[in-house]
């Protein structure tokens, strides 16, 4: 009988640890977006891109609403993101009214430091349902006319999907 009580009591610290950890995951310290911005500034990544896809399944339609924030102390111009829509088998899809598959968000205006600019991509209709969006590249030019490309390893860090 004592053994059963000890086993029951030994599980309590594990349960407490689980629930405390779970609670921290549910309620992150501070604002997630602000924490992400701070992290990006610390590691030297210059932008934060927030993407909200809208999917109309019945019409096989895709729209992307994109916000780009300049986290640097210099202006950014000629900002561009190149996307592809993929099906369940990870095959690149081509919109019905286009000859090529790439989806492009292009911002030609200067993005001043700490300013957010928005970009709308689509709507595009596909013959098949799309299941995911793949970012091929993010590039931009700084005020000193230097072109930058975000590395593939850093794409997930600078992108927040809503």
C-alpha atoms as a PDB file:
ATOM      1  CA  UNK A   1       0.000   0.000   0.000  1.00  0.00           C
ATOM      2  CA  UNK A   2       2.828   2.439   0.824  1.00  0.00           C
ATOM      3  CA  UNK A   3       4.428   1.680  -2.533  1.00  0.00           C
ATOM      4  CA  UNK A   4       1.292   2.762  -4.404  1.00  0.00           C
ATOM      5  CA  UNK A   5       1.168   6.061  -2.521  1.00  0.00           C
ATOM      6  CA  UNK A   6       4.867   6.733  -3.178  1.00  0.00           C
ATOM      7  CA  UNK A   7       4.411   6.044  -6.898  1.00  0.00           C
ATOM      8  CA  UNK A   8       1.450   8.390  -7.001  1.00  0.00           C
ATOM      9  CA  UNK A   9       3.387  11.122  -5.171  1.00  0.00           C
ATOM     10  CA  UNK A  10       6.448  10.682  -7.393  1.00  0.00           C
ATOM     11  CA  UNK A  11       4.358  11.572 -10.428  1.00  0.00           C
ATOM     12  CA  UNK A  12       3.178  14.898  -8.979  1.00  0.00           C
ATOM     13  CA  UNK A  13       6.466  16.794  -9.628  1.00  0.00           C
ATOM     14  CA  UNK A  14       6.392  15.616 -13.253  1.00  0.00           C
ATOM     15  CA  UNK A  15       2.802  16.743 -13.660  1.00  0.00           C
ATOM     16  CA  UNK A  16       3.569  20.127 -12.081  1.00  0.00           C
ATOM     17  CA  UNK A  17       6.582  20.559 -14.377  1.00  0.00           C
ATOM     18  CA  UNK A  18       4.456  19.637 -17.404  1.00  0.00           C
ATOM     19  CA  UNK A  19       1.664  22.085 -16.578  1.00  0.00           C
ATOM     20  CA  UNK A  20       4.033  24.941 -15.740  1.00  0.00           C
ATOM     21  CA  UNK A  21       5.900  24.392 -19.023  1.00  0.00           C
ATOM     22  CA  UNK A  22       2.603  24.151 -20.893  1.00  0.00           C
ATOM     23  CA  UNK A  23       1.451  27.403 -19.317  1.00  0.00           C
ATOM     24  CA  UNK A  24       4.572  29.216 -20.504  1.00  0.00           C
ATOM     25  CA  UNK A  25       3.960  27.930 -24.018  1.00  0.00           C
ATOM     26  CA  UNK A  26       0.385  29.180 -23.990  1.00  0.00           C
ATOM     27  CA  UNK A  27       1.306  32.590 -22.618  1.00  0.00           C
ATOM     28  CA  UNK A  28       4.714  33.603 -23.945  1.00  0.00           C
ATOM     29  CA  UNK A  29       6.485  36.369 -22.078  1.00  0.00           C
ATOM     30  CA  UNK A  30       5.703  39.632 -23.849  1.00  0.00           C
ATOM     31  CA  UNK A  31       4.323  40.108 -27.332  1.00  0.00           C
ATOM     32  CA  UNK A  32       5.417  37.407 -29.802  1.00  0.00           C
ATOM     33  CA  UNK A  33       5.916  39.878 -32.652  1.00  0.00           C
ATOM     34  CA  UNK A  34       7.947  42.247 -30.473  1.00  0.00           C
ATOM     35  CA  UNK A  35      10.100  39.336 -29.248  1.00  0.00           C
ATOM     36  CA  UNK A  36      10.669  38.281 -32.853  1.00  0.00           C
ATOM     37  CA  UNK A  37      11.652  41.831 -33.855  1.00  0.00           C
ATOM     38  CA  UNK A  38      14.119  42.046 -30.966  1.00  0.00           C
ATOM     39  CA  UNK A  39      15.646  38.700 -31.935  1.00  0.00           C
ATOM     40  CA  UNK A  40      15.956  39.709 -35.614  1.00  0.00           C
ATOM     41  CA  UNK A  41      17.620  43.006 -34.720  1.00  0.00           C
ATOM     42  CA  UNK A  42      20.070  41.214 -32.393  1.00  0.00           C
ATOM     43  CA  UNK A  43      21.149  38.710 -35.059  1.00  0.00           C
ATOM     44  CA  UNK A  44      21.299  41.367 -37.780  1.00  0.00           C
ATOM     45  CA  UNK A  45      18.331  40.289 -39.922  1.00  0.00           C
ATOM     46  CA  UNK A  46      16.818  43.428 -41.459  1.00  0.00           C
ATOM     47  CA  UNK A  47      13.124  42.655 -41.951  1.00  0.00           C
ATOM     48  CA  UNK A  48      10.058  40.974 -40.527  1.00  0.00           C
ATOM     49  CA  UNK A  49       7.515  39.630 -43.021  1.00  0.00           C
ATOM     50  CA  UNK A  50       4.022  38.653 -41.875  1.00  0.00           C
ATOM     51  CA  UNK A  51       1.989  36.562 -44.318  1.00  0.00           C
ATOM     52  CA  UNK A  52      -1.710  35.777 -44.090  1.00  0.00           C
ATOM     53  CA  UNK A  53      -2.917  33.381 -46.796  1.00  0.00           C
ATOM     54  CA  UNK A  54      -6.609  33.276 -47.671  1.00  0.00           C
ATOM     55  CA  UNK A  55      -7.836  30.058 -49.199  1.00  0.00           C
ATOM     56  CA  UNK A  56     -11.188  29.641 -50.924  1.00  0.00           C
ATOM     57  CA  UNK A  57     -11.294  25.867 -51.264  1.00  0.00           C
ATOM     58  CA  UNK A  58     -14.417  25.667 -53.450  1.00  0.00           C
ATOM     59  CA  UNK A  59     -12.886  27.885 -56.120  1.00  0.00           C
ATOM     60  CA  UNK A  60      -9.297  26.632 -55.530  1.00  0.00           C
ATOM     61  CA  UNK A  61      -8.301  30.260 -54.978  1.00  0.00           C
ATOM     62  CA  UNK A  62      -5.288  31.686 -53.150  1.00  0.00           C
ATOM     63  CA  UNK A  63      -4.613  35.217 -51.925  1.00  0.00           C
ATOM     64  CA  UNK A  64      -1.677  36.379 -49.822  1.00  0.00           C
ATOM     65  CA  UNK A  65      -1.761  39.458 -47.611  1.00  0.00           C
ATOM     66  CA  UNK A  66       1.788  40.482 -46.713  1.00  0.00           C
ATOM     67  CA  UNK A  67       3.191  43.074 -44.294  1.00  0.00           C
ATOM     68  CA  UNK A  68       6.878  43.931 -44.451  1.00  0.00           C
ATOM     69  CA  UNK A  69       8.599  45.851 -41.660  1.00  0.00           C
ATOM     70  CA  UNK A  70      12.029  47.419 -42.006  1.00  0.00           C
ATOM     71  CA  UNK A  71      14.010  46.681 -38.818  1.00  0.00           C
ATOM     72  CA  UNK A  72      17.169  48.514 -39.885  1.00  0.00           C
ATOM     73  CA  UNK A  73      18.307  52.121 -39.509  1.00  0.00           C
ATOM     74  CA  UNK A  74      18.410  52.612 -43.280  1.00  0.00           C
ATOM     75  CA  UNK A  75      15.806  52.719 -46.031  1.00  0.00           C
ATOM     76  CA  UNK A  76      14.988  49.617 -48.051  1.00  0.00           C
ATOM     77  CA  UNK A  77      13.779  49.762 -51.639  1.00  0.00           C
ATOM     78  CA  UNK A  78      12.895  47.283 -54.367  1.00  0.00           C
ATOM     79  CA  UNK A  79      11.664  44.697 -51.882  1.00  0.00           C
ATOM     80  CA  UNK A  80      10.537  41.386 -53.411  1.00  0.00           C
ATOM     81  CA  UNK A  81       9.341  37.957 -52.266  1.00  0.00           C
ATOM     82  CA  UNK A  82       9.097  35.050 -54.695  1.00  0.00           C
ATOM     83  CA  UNK A  83       6.562  32.316 -53.757  1.00  0.00           C
ATOM     84  CA  UNK A  84       5.288  29.054 -55.189  1.00  0.00           C
ATOM     85  CA  UNK A  85       2.023  27.270 -54.370  1.00  0.00           C
ATOM     86  CA  UNK A  86       2.391  23.514 -53.898  1.00  0.00           C
ATOM     87  CA  UNK A  87      -0.089  20.653 -53.957  1.00  0.00           C
ATOM     88  CA  UNK A  88      -0.205  17.655 -51.584  1.00  0.00           C
ATOM     89  CA  UNK A  89       2.603  15.926 -53.519  1.00  0.00           C
ATOM     90  CA  UNK A  90       4.791  19.074 -53.229  1.00  0.00           C
ATOM     91  CA  UNK A  91       4.428  19.767 -56.961  1.00  0.00           C
ATOM     92  CA  UNK A  92       4.561  23.428 -57.996  1.00  0.00           C
ATOM     93  CA  UNK A  93       1.214  24.679 -59.274  1.00  0.00           C
ATOM     94  CA  UNK A  94       0.655  27.215 -62.049  1.00  0.00           C
ATOM     95  CA  UNK A  95      -2.285  29.632 -61.725  1.00  0.00           C
ATOM     96  CA  UNK A  96      -4.884  29.087 -64.442  1.00  0.00           C
ATOM     97  CA  UNK A  97      -4.432  32.564 -65.966  1.00  0.00           C
ATOM     98  CA  UNK A  98      -0.591  32.523 -65.976  1.00  0.00           C
ATOM     99  CA  UNK A  99       2.113  30.728 -67.931  1.00  0.00           C
ATOM    100  CA  UNK A 100       4.617  30.552 -65.080  1.00  0.00           C
ATOM    101  CA  UNK A 101       4.193  29.403 -61.460  1.00  0.00           C
ATOM    102  CA  UNK A 102       5.888  32.177 -59.487  1.00  0.00           C
ATOM    103  CA  UNK A 103       3.878  34.479 -57.259  1.00  0.00           C
ATOM    104  CA  UNK A 104       5.589  37.778 -56.555  1.00  0.00           C
ATOM    105  CA  UNK A 105       5.128  40.411 -53.875  1.00  0.00           C
ATOM    106  CA  UNK A 106       7.007  43.461 -55.088  1.00  0.00           C
ATOM    107  CA  UNK A 107       7.233  46.771 -53.217  1.00  0.00           C
ATOM    108  CA  UNK A 108       8.872  49.521 -55.254  1.00  0.00           C
ATOM    109  CA  UNK A 109       8.433  52.257 -52.611  1.00  0.00           C
ATOM    110  CA  UNK A 110      11.088  53.012 -50.028  1.00  0.00           C
ATOM    111  CA  UNK A 111      10.465  51.270 -46.736  1.00  0.00           C
ATOM    112  CA  UNK A 112      11.769  53.664 -44.107  1.00  0.00           C
ATOM    113  CA  UNK A 113      13.187  52.333 -40.805  1.00  0.00           C
ATOM    114  CA  UNK A 114      10.494  50.958 -38.455  1.00  0.00           C
ATOM    115  CA  UNK A 115       7.817  51.359 -41.142  1.00  0.00           C
ATOM    116  CA  UNK A 116       5.427  48.645 -42.327  1.00  0.00           C
ATOM    117  CA  UNK A 117       4.299  48.423 -45.950  1.00  0.00           C
ATOM    118  CA  UNK A 118       1.660  46.018 -47.232  1.00  0.00           C
ATOM    119  CA  UNK A 119       1.497  43.935 -50.373  1.00  0.00           C
ATOM    120  CA  UNK A 120      -1.404  41.904 -51.776  1.00  0.00           C
ATOM    121  CA  UNK A 121      -0.758  38.885 -54.020  1.00  0.00           C
ATOM    122  CA  UNK A 122      -3.620  37.311 -55.927  1.00  0.00           C
ATOM    123  CA  UNK A 123      -6.240  36.136 -56.088  1.00  0.00           C
ATOM    124  CA  UNK A 124      -4.986  33.226 -58.162  1.00  0.00           C
ATOM    125  CA  UNK A 125      -7.087  30.240 -59.161  1.00  0.00           C
ATOM    126  CA  UNK A 126      -5.567  26.791 -59.637  1.00  0.00           C
ATOM    127  CA  UNK A 127      -6.792  23.671 -61.434  1.00  0.00           C
ATOM    128  CA  UNK A 128      -5.871  21.641 -58.305  1.00  0.00           C
ATOM    129  CA  UNK A 129      -6.090  22.457 -54.614  1.00  0.00           C
ATOM    130  CA  UNK A 130      -2.949  23.994 -53.174  1.00  0.00           C
ATOM    131  CA  UNK A 131      -1.781  22.710 -49.807  1.00  0.00           C
ATOM    132  CA  UNK A 132       1.239  24.864 -48.955  1.00  0.00           C
ATOM    133  CA  UNK A 133       3.186  27.952 -49.927  1.00  0.00           C
ATOM    134  CA  UNK A 134       6.948  27.824 -50.433  1.00  0.00           C
ATOM    135  CA  UNK A 135       9.002  31.026 -50.222  1.00  0.00           C
ATOM    136  CA  UNK A 136      11.757  30.777 -52.796  1.00  0.00           C
ATOM    137  CA  UNK A 137      13.507  34.046 -51.974  1.00  0.00           C
ATOM    138  CA  UNK A 138      13.292  37.420 -50.265  1.00  0.00           C
ATOM    139  CA  UNK A 139      15.445  40.196 -51.678  1.00  0.00           C
ATOM    140  CA  UNK A 140      15.753  43.952 -51.333  1.00  0.00           C
ATOM    141  CA  UNK A 141      18.048  46.878 -52.049  1.00  0.00           C
ATOM    142  CA  UNK A 142      19.263  49.224 -49.294  1.00  0.00           C
ATOM    143  CA  UNK A 143      19.637  53.003 -49.593  1.00  0.00           C
ATOM    144  CA  UNK A 144      23.299  52.576 -50.576  1.00  0.00           C
ATOM    145  CA  UNK A 145      22.116  50.545 -53.627  1.00  0.00           C
ATOM    146  CA  UNK A 146      23.414  47.215 -52.290  1.00  0.00           C
ATOM    147  CA  UNK A 147      21.193  44.262 -53.170  1.00  0.00           C
ATOM    148  CA  UNK A 148      20.582  41.737 -50.385  1.00  0.00           C
ATOM    149  CA  UNK A 149      19.058  38.257 -50.453  1.00  0.00           C
ATOM    150  CA  UNK A 150      17.834  36.602 -47.258  1.00  0.00           C
ATOM    151  CA  UNK A 151      19.498  33.209 -47.040  1.00  0.00           C
ATOM    152  CA  UNK A 152      17.357  30.084 -47.229  1.00  0.00           C
ATOM    153  CA  UNK A 153      18.393  29.256 -43.651  1.00  0.00           C
ATOM    154  CA  UNK A 154      17.008  32.610 -42.418  1.00  0.00           C
ATOM    155  CA  UNK A 155      13.701  32.626 -44.341  1.00  0.00           C
ATOM    156  CA  UNK A 156      11.785  31.000 -41.482  1.00  0.00           C
ATOM    157  CA  UNK A 157      13.265  33.458 -38.970  1.00  0.00           C
ATOM    158  CA  UNK A 158      12.116  36.577 -40.827  1.00  0.00           C
ATOM    159  CA  UNK A 159       8.673  35.156 -41.737  1.00  0.00           C
ATOM    160  CA  UNK A 160       5.594  34.852 -39.534  1.00  0.00           C
ATOM    161  CA  UNK A 161       2.611  32.955 -40.989  1.00  0.00           C
ATOM    162  CA  UNK A 162      -0.819  33.905 -39.633  1.00  0.00           C
END
